Amino acid sequence: GEKIDEAQATGLTYVVGSKTLVEGLDD
């Protein structure tokens, strides 16, 4: 449950199926 500062983001634009961020996000 410890918050990871470098893994915080808001307002991202993401294309479903692009696989350009973290693994498992598309699913």
PDB file of all heavy atoms in Angstrom:
ATOM      1  N   GLY A   1       0.777  -1.226   0.000  1.00  0.00           N
ATOM      2  CA  GLY A   1       0.000   0.000   0.000  1.00  0.00           C
ATOM      3  C   GLY A   1       0.808   1.274   0.000  1.00  0.00           C
ATOM      4  O   GLY A   1       0.244   2.375   0.053  1.00  0.00           O
ATOM      5  N   GLU A   2       2.139   1.174  -0.084  1.00  0.00           N
ATOM      6  CA  GLU A   2       2.980   2.375  -0.106  1.00  0.00           C
ATOM      7  C   GLU A   2       2.883   3.055  -1.465  1.00  0.00           C
ATOM      8  O   GLU A   2       3.130   2.435  -2.502  1.00  0.00           O
ATOM      9  CB  GLU A   2       4.434   2.005   0.184  1.00  0.00           C
ATOM     10  CG  GLU A   2       5.388   3.187   0.115  1.00  0.00           C
ATOM     11  CD  GLU A   2       6.849   2.759   0.180  1.00  0.00           C
ATOM     12  OE1 GLU A   2       7.112   1.552   0.401  1.00  0.00           O
ATOM     13  OE2 GLU A   2       7.723   3.626  -0.023  1.00  0.00           O
ATOM     14  N   LYS A   3       2.551   4.327  -1.473  1.00  0.00           N
ATOM     15  CA  LYS A   3       2.402   5.078  -2.722  1.00  0.00           C
ATOM     16  C   LYS A   3       3.755   5.275  -3.389  1.00  0.00           C
ATOM     17  O   LYS A   3       4.744   5.606  -2.734  1.00  0.00           O
ATOM     18  CB  LYS A   3       1.752   6.434  -2.432  1.00  0.00           C
ATOM     19  CG  LYS A   3       1.427   7.261  -3.665  1.00  0.00           C
ATOM     20  CD  LYS A   3       0.739   8.554  -3.273  1.00  0.00           C
ATOM     21  CE  LYS A   3       0.424   9.409  -4.482  1.00  0.00           C
ATOM     22  NZ  LYS A   3      -0.240  10.695  -4.095  1.00  0.00           N
ATOM     23  N   ILE A   4       3.816   5.059  -4.703  1.00  0.00           N
ATOM     24  CA  ILE A   4       5.053   5.216  -5.465  1.00  0.00           C
ATOM     25  C   ILE A   4       4.957   6.521  -6.245  1.00  0.00           C
ATOM     26  O   ILE A   4       4.153   6.651  -7.178  1.00  0.00           O
ATOM     27  CB  ILE A   4       5.271   4.033  -6.421  1.00  0.00           C
ATOM     28  CG1 ILE A   4       5.307   2.723  -5.638  1.00  0.00           C
ATOM     29  CG2 ILE A   4       6.556   4.213  -7.221  1.00  0.00           C
ATOM     30  CD1 ILE A   4       5.359   1.491  -6.517  1.00  0.00           C
ATOM     31  N   ASP A   5       5.801   7.497  -5.863  1.00  0.00           N
ATOM     32  CA  ASP A   5       5.697   8.835  -6.448  1.00  0.00           C
ATOM     33  C   ASP A   5       5.893   8.830  -7.963  1.00  0.00           C
ATOM     34  O   ASP A   5       5.200   9.539  -8.696  1.00  0.00           O
ATOM     35  CB  ASP A   5       6.723   9.770  -5.798  1.00  0.00           C
ATOM     36  CG  ASP A   5       6.400  10.056  -4.334  1.00  0.00           C
ATOM     37  OD1 ASP A   5       5.217   9.899  -3.966  1.00  0.00           O
ATOM     38  OD2 ASP A   5       7.326  10.415  -3.589  1.00  0.00           O
ATOM     39  N   GLU A   6       6.884   8.051  -8.442  1.00  0.00           N
ATOM     40  CA  GLU A   6       7.160   8.065  -9.877  1.00  0.00           C
ATOM     41  C   GLU A   6       6.121   7.308 -10.694  1.00  0.00           C
ATOM     42  O   GLU A   6       6.194   7.269 -11.922  1.00  0.00           O
ATOM     43  CB  GLU A   6       8.561   7.496 -10.153  1.00  0.00           C
ATOM     44  CG  GLU A   6       8.759   6.062  -9.710  1.00  0.00           C
ATOM     45  CD  GLU A   6       9.382   5.965  -8.326  1.00  0.00           C
ATOM     46  OE1 GLU A   6       9.085   6.833  -7.479  1.00  0.00           O
ATOM     47  OE2 GLU A   6      10.153   5.024  -8.093  1.00  0.00           O
ATOM     48  N   ALA A   7       5.137   6.709 -10.031  1.00  0.00           N
ATOM     49  CA  ALA A   7       4.095   5.961 -10.750  1.00  0.00           C
ATOM     50  C   ALA A   7       2.748   6.659 -10.630  1.00  0.00           C
ATOM     51  O   ALA A   7       1.698   6.013 -10.583  1.00  0.00           O
ATOM     52  CB  ALA A   7       4.010   4.526 -10.224  1.00  0.00           C
ATOM     53  N   GLN A   8       2.766   8.001 -10.559  1.00  0.00           N
ATOM     54  CA  GLN A   8       1.542   8.794 -10.481  1.00  0.00           C
ATOM     55  C   GLN A   8       1.420   9.645 -11.742  1.00  0.00           C
ATOM     56  O   GLN A   8       2.400  10.253 -12.180  1.00  0.00           O
ATOM     57  CB  GLN A   8       1.553   9.705  -9.250  1.00  0.00           C
ATOM     58  CG  GLN A   8       1.959   9.030  -7.955  1.00  0.00           C
ATOM     59  CD  GLN A   8       0.981   7.951  -7.526  1.00  0.00           C
ATOM     60  OE1 GLN A   8      -0.236   8.154  -7.599  1.00  0.00           O
ATOM     61  NE2 GLN A   8       1.506   6.816  -7.096  1.00  0.00           N
ATOM     62  N   ALA A   9       0.264   9.695 -12.363  1.00  0.00           N
ATOM     63  CA  ALA A   9       0.045  10.524 -13.552  1.00  0.00           C
ATOM     64  C   ALA A   9      -1.434  10.852 -13.665  1.00  0.00           C
ATOM     65  O   ALA A   9      -2.296  10.017 -13.329  1.00  0.00           O
ATOM     66  CB  ALA A   9       0.530   9.810 -14.805  1.00  0.00           C
ATOM     67  N   THR A  10      -1.719  12.069 -14.127  1.00  0.00           N
ATOM     68  CA  THR A  10      -3.112  12.479 -14.329  1.00  0.00           C
ATOM     69  C   THR A  10      -3.269  13.065 -15.717  1.00  0.00           C
ATOM     70  O   THR A  10      -2.335  13.647 -16.281  1.00  0.00           O
ATOM     71  CB  THR A  10      -3.541  13.534 -13.281  1.00  0.00           C
ATOM     72  OG1 THR A  10      -2.673  14.677 -13.373  1.00  0.00           O
ATOM     73  CG2 THR A  10      -3.463  12.964 -11.872  1.00  0.00           C
ATOM     74  N   GLY A  11      -4.471  12.928 -16.271  1.00  0.00           N
ATOM     75  CA  GLY A  11      -4.796  13.525 -17.563  1.00  0.00           C
ATOM     76  C   GLY A  11      -4.065  12.917 -18.737  1.00  0.00           C
ATOM     77  O   GLY A  11      -3.891  13.585 -19.767  1.00  0.00           O
ATOM     78  N   LEU A  12      -3.635  11.655 -18.625  1.00  0.00           N
ATOM     79  CA  LEU A  12      -2.935  11.007 -19.732  1.00  0.00           C
ATOM     80  C   LEU A  12      -3.901  10.700 -20.871  1.00  0.00           C
ATOM     81  O   LEU A  12      -5.055  10.345 -20.650  1.00  0.00           O
ATOM     82  CB  LEU A  12      -2.283   9.700 -19.273  1.00  0.00           C
ATOM     83  CG  LEU A  12      -1.049   9.788 -18.368  1.00  0.00           C
ATOM     84  CD1 LEU A  12      -0.631   8.386 -17.951  1.00  0.00           C
ATOM     85  CD2 LEU A  12       0.086  10.482 -19.102  1.00  0.00           C
ATOM     86  N   THR A  13      -3.405  10.837 -22.114  1.00  0.00           N
ATOM     87  CA  THR A  13      -4.160  10.378 -23.279  1.00  0.00           C
ATOM     88  C   THR A  13      -3.571   9.042 -23.713  1.00  0.00           C
ATOM     89  O   THR A  13      -2.357   8.934 -23.920  1.00  0.00           O
ATOM     90  CB  THR A  13      -4.076  11.382 -24.437  1.00  0.00           C
ATOM     91  OG1 THR A  13      -4.668  12.623 -24.027  1.00  0.00           O
ATOM     92  CG2 THR A  13      -4.806  10.858 -25.670  1.00  0.00           C
ATOM     93  N   TYR A  14      -4.436   8.041 -23.844  1.00  0.00           N
ATOM     94  CA  TYR A  14      -3.949   6.698 -24.152  1.00  0.00           C
ATOM     95  C   TYR A  14      -4.858   6.057 -25.199  1.00  0.00           C
ATOM     96  O   TYR A  14      -6.089   6.141 -25.119  1.00  0.00           O
ATOM     97  CB  TYR A  14      -3.922   5.832 -22.887  1.00  0.00           C
ATOM     98  CG  TYR A  14      -3.362   4.455 -23.119  1.00  0.00           C
ATOM     99  CD1 TYR A  14      -2.002   4.263 -23.343  1.00  0.00           C
ATOM    100  CD2 TYR A  14      -4.202   3.344 -23.153  1.00  0.00           C
ATOM    101  CE1 TYR A  14      -1.476   2.999 -23.568  1.00  0.00           C
ATOM    102  CE2 TYR A  14      -3.689   2.076 -23.380  1.00  0.00           C
ATOM    103  CZ  TYR A  14      -2.324   1.905 -23.588  1.00  0.00           C
ATOM    104  OH  TYR A  14      -1.818   0.661 -23.830  1.00  0.00           O
ATOM    105  N   VAL A  15      -4.204   5.408 -26.194  1.00  0.00           N
ATOM    106  CA  VAL A  15      -4.952   4.695 -27.234  1.00  0.00           C
ATOM    107  C   VAL A  15      -5.053   3.232 -26.830  1.00  0.00           C
ATOM    108  O   VAL A  15      -4.032   2.555 -26.631  1.00  0.00           O
ATOM    109  CB  VAL A  15      -4.265   4.812 -28.603  1.00  0.00           C
ATOM    110  CG1 VAL A  15      -5.086   4.091 -29.676  1.00  0.00           C
ATOM    111  CG2 VAL A  15      -4.062   6.267 -28.978  1.00  0.00           C
ATOM    112  N   VAL A  16      -6.264   2.738 -26.696  1.00  0.00           N
ATOM    113  CA  VAL A  16      -6.468   1.349 -26.288  1.00  0.00           C
ATOM    114  C   VAL A  16      -5.851   0.408 -27.319  1.00  0.00           C
ATOM    115  O   VAL A  16      -6.119   0.520 -28.518  1.00  0.00           O
ATOM    116  CB  VAL A  16      -7.968   1.041 -26.114  1.00  0.00           C
ATOM    117  CG1 VAL A  16      -8.162  -0.412 -25.664  1.00  0.00           C
ATOM    118  CG2 VAL A  16      -8.605   1.999 -25.123  1.00  0.00           C
ATOM    119  N   GLY A  17      -5.006  -0.498 -26.842  1.00  0.00           N
ATOM    120  CA  GLY A  17      -4.355  -1.452 -27.729  1.00  0.00           C
ATOM    121  C   GLY A  17      -2.971  -1.037 -28.180  1.00  0.00           C
ATOM    122  O   GLY A  17      -2.285  -1.800 -28.870  1.00  0.00           O
ATOM    123  N   SER A  18      -2.514   0.155 -27.784  1.00  0.00           N
ATOM    124  CA  SER A  18      -1.210   0.632 -28.246  1.00  0.00           C
ATOM    125  C   SER A  18      -0.043   0.019 -27.479  1.00  0.00           C
ATOM    126  O   SER A  18       1.096   0.032 -27.959  1.00  0.00           O
ATOM    127  CB  SER A  18      -1.140   2.157 -28.139  1.00  0.00           C
ATOM    128  OG  SER A  18      -1.256   2.571 -26.782  1.00  0.00           O
ATOM    129  N   LYS A  19      -0.317  -0.492 -26.276  1.00  0.00           N
ATOM    130  CA  LYS A  19       0.734  -1.146 -25.454  1.00  0.00           C
ATOM    131  C   LYS A  19       1.938  -0.238 -25.225  1.00  0.00           C
ATOM    132  O   LYS A  19       3.086  -0.694 -25.241  1.00  0.00           O
ATOM    133  CB  LYS A  19       1.193  -2.458 -26.100  1.00  0.00           C
ATOM    134  CG  LYS A  19       0.079  -3.468 -26.318  1.00  0.00           C
ATOM    135  CD  LYS A  19       0.611  -4.775 -26.877  1.00  0.00           C
ATOM    136  CE  LYS A  19      -0.500  -5.747 -27.218  1.00  0.00           C
ATOM    137  NZ  LYS A  19      -1.319  -6.102 -26.047  1.00  0.00           N
ATOM    138  N   THR A  20       1.703   1.062 -25.006  1.00  0.00           N
ATOM    139  CA  THR A  20       2.817   2.010 -24.857  1.00  0.00           C
ATOM    140  C   THR A  20       3.084   2.405 -23.412  1.00  0.00           C
ATOM    141  O   THR A  20       4.059   3.105 -23.152  1.00  0.00           O
ATOM    142  CB  THR A  20       2.538   3.290 -25.662  1.00  0.00           C
ATOM    143  OG1 THR A  20       1.262   3.830 -25.262  1.00  0.00           O
ATOM    144  CG2 THR A  20       2.523   3.004 -27.149  1.00  0.00           C
ATOM    145  N   LEU A  21       2.249   1.965 -22.465  1.00  0.00           N
ATOM    146  CA  LEU A  21       2.504   2.281 -21.059  1.00  0.00           C
ATOM    147  C   LEU A  21       2.846   0.994 -20.300  1.00  0.00           C
ATOM    148  O   LEU A  21       3.736   0.275 -20.720  1.00  0.00           O
ATOM    149  CB  LEU A  21       1.293   3.006 -20.456  1.00  0.00           C
ATOM    150  CG  LEU A  21       1.092   4.452 -20.946  1.00  0.00           C
ATOM    151  CD1 LEU A  21      -0.164   5.054 -20.357  1.00  0.00           C
ATOM    152  CD2 LEU A  21       2.300   5.321 -20.590  1.00  0.00           C
ATOM    153  N   VAL A  22       2.176   0.722 -19.219  1.00  0.00           N
ATOM    154  CA  VAL A  22       2.532  -0.435 -18.401  1.00  0.00           C
ATOM    155  C   VAL A  22       1.820  -1.699 -18.892  1.00  0.00           C
ATOM    156  O   VAL A  22       0.734  -1.644 -19.483  1.00  0.00           O
ATOM    157  CB  VAL A  22       2.173  -0.188 -16.915  1.00  0.00           C
ATOM    158  CG1 VAL A  22       3.029   0.917 -16.356  1.00  0.00           C
ATOM    159  CG2 VAL A  22       0.692   0.129 -16.768  1.00  0.00           C
ATOM    160  N   GLU A  23       2.437  -2.828 -18.634  1.00  0.00           N
ATOM    161  CA  GLU A  23       1.863  -4.115 -19.032  1.00  0.00           C
ATOM    162  C   GLU A  23       0.556  -4.358 -18.280  1.00  0.00           C
ATOM    163  O   GLU A  23       0.445  -4.112 -17.082  1.00  0.00           O
ATOM    164  CB  GLU A  23       2.865  -5.228 -18.716  1.00  0.00           C
ATOM    165  CG  GLU A  23       2.408  -6.600 -19.159  1.00  0.00           C
ATOM    166  CD  GLU A  23       3.442  -7.671 -18.855  1.00  0.00           C
ATOM    167  OE1 GLU A  23       4.565  -7.314 -18.431  1.00  0.00           O
ATOM    168  OE2 GLU A  23       3.125  -8.862 -19.024  1.00  0.00           O
ATOM    169  N   GLY A  24      -0.444  -4.806 -19.024  1.00  0.00           N
ATOM    170  CA  GLY A  24      -1.731  -5.112 -18.421  1.00  0.00           C
ATOM    171  C   GLY A  24      -2.737  -3.984 -18.500  1.00  0.00           C
ATOM    172  O   GLY A  24      -3.927  -4.188 -18.190  1.00  0.00           O
ATOM    173  N   LEU A  25      -2.290  -2.787 -18.924  1.00  0.00           N
ATOM    174  CA  LEU A  25      -3.204  -1.647 -18.965  1.00  0.00           C
ATOM    175  C   LEU A  25      -4.297  -1.846 -20.009  1.00  0.00           C
ATOM    176  O   LEU A  25      -5.465  -1.512 -19.761  1.00  0.00           O
ATOM    177  CB  LEU A  25      -2.425  -0.364 -19.245  1.00  0.00           C
ATOM    178  CG  LEU A  25      -3.246   0.927 -19.353  1.00  0.00           C
ATOM    179  CD1 LEU A  25      -4.003   1.191 -18.055  1.00  0.00           C
ATOM    180  CD2 LEU A  25      -2.358   2.126 -19.694  1.00  0.00           C
ATOM    181  N   ASP A  26      -3.932  -2.389 -21.181  1.00  0.00           N
ATOM    182  CA  ASP A  26      -4.941  -2.574 -22.234  1.00  0.00           C
ATOM    183  C   ASP A  26      -6.061  -3.494 -21.784  1.00  0.00           C
ATOM    184  O   ASP A  26      -7.248  -3.219 -22.014  1.00  0.00           O
ATOM    185  CB  ASP A  26      -4.273  -3.112 -23.500  1.00  0.00           C
ATOM    186  CG  ASP A  26      -3.431  -2.064 -24.199  1.00  0.00           C
ATOM    187  OD1 ASP A  26      -3.979  -1.019 -24.574  1.00  0.00           O
ATOM    188  OD2 ASP A  26      -2.218  -2.273 -24.358  1.00  0.00           O
ATOM    189  N   ASP A  27      -5.688  -4.595 -21.140  1.00  0.00           N
ATOM    190  CA  ASP A  27      -6.723  -5.527 -20.651  1.00  0.00           C
ATOM    191  C   ASP A  27      -7.592  -4.864 -19.594  1.00  0.00           C
ATOM    192  O   ASP A  27      -8.816  -5.101 -19.536  1.00  0.00           O
ATOM    193  CB  ASP A  27      -6.059  -6.778 -20.064  1.00  0.00           C
ATOM    194  CG  ASP A  27      -5.390  -7.631 -21.126  1.00  0.00           C
ATOM    195  OD1 ASP A  27      -5.786  -7.521 -22.308  1.00  0.00           O
ATOM    196  OD2 ASP A  27      -4.453  -8.384 -20.790  1.00  0.00           O
TER     197      ASP A  27
END
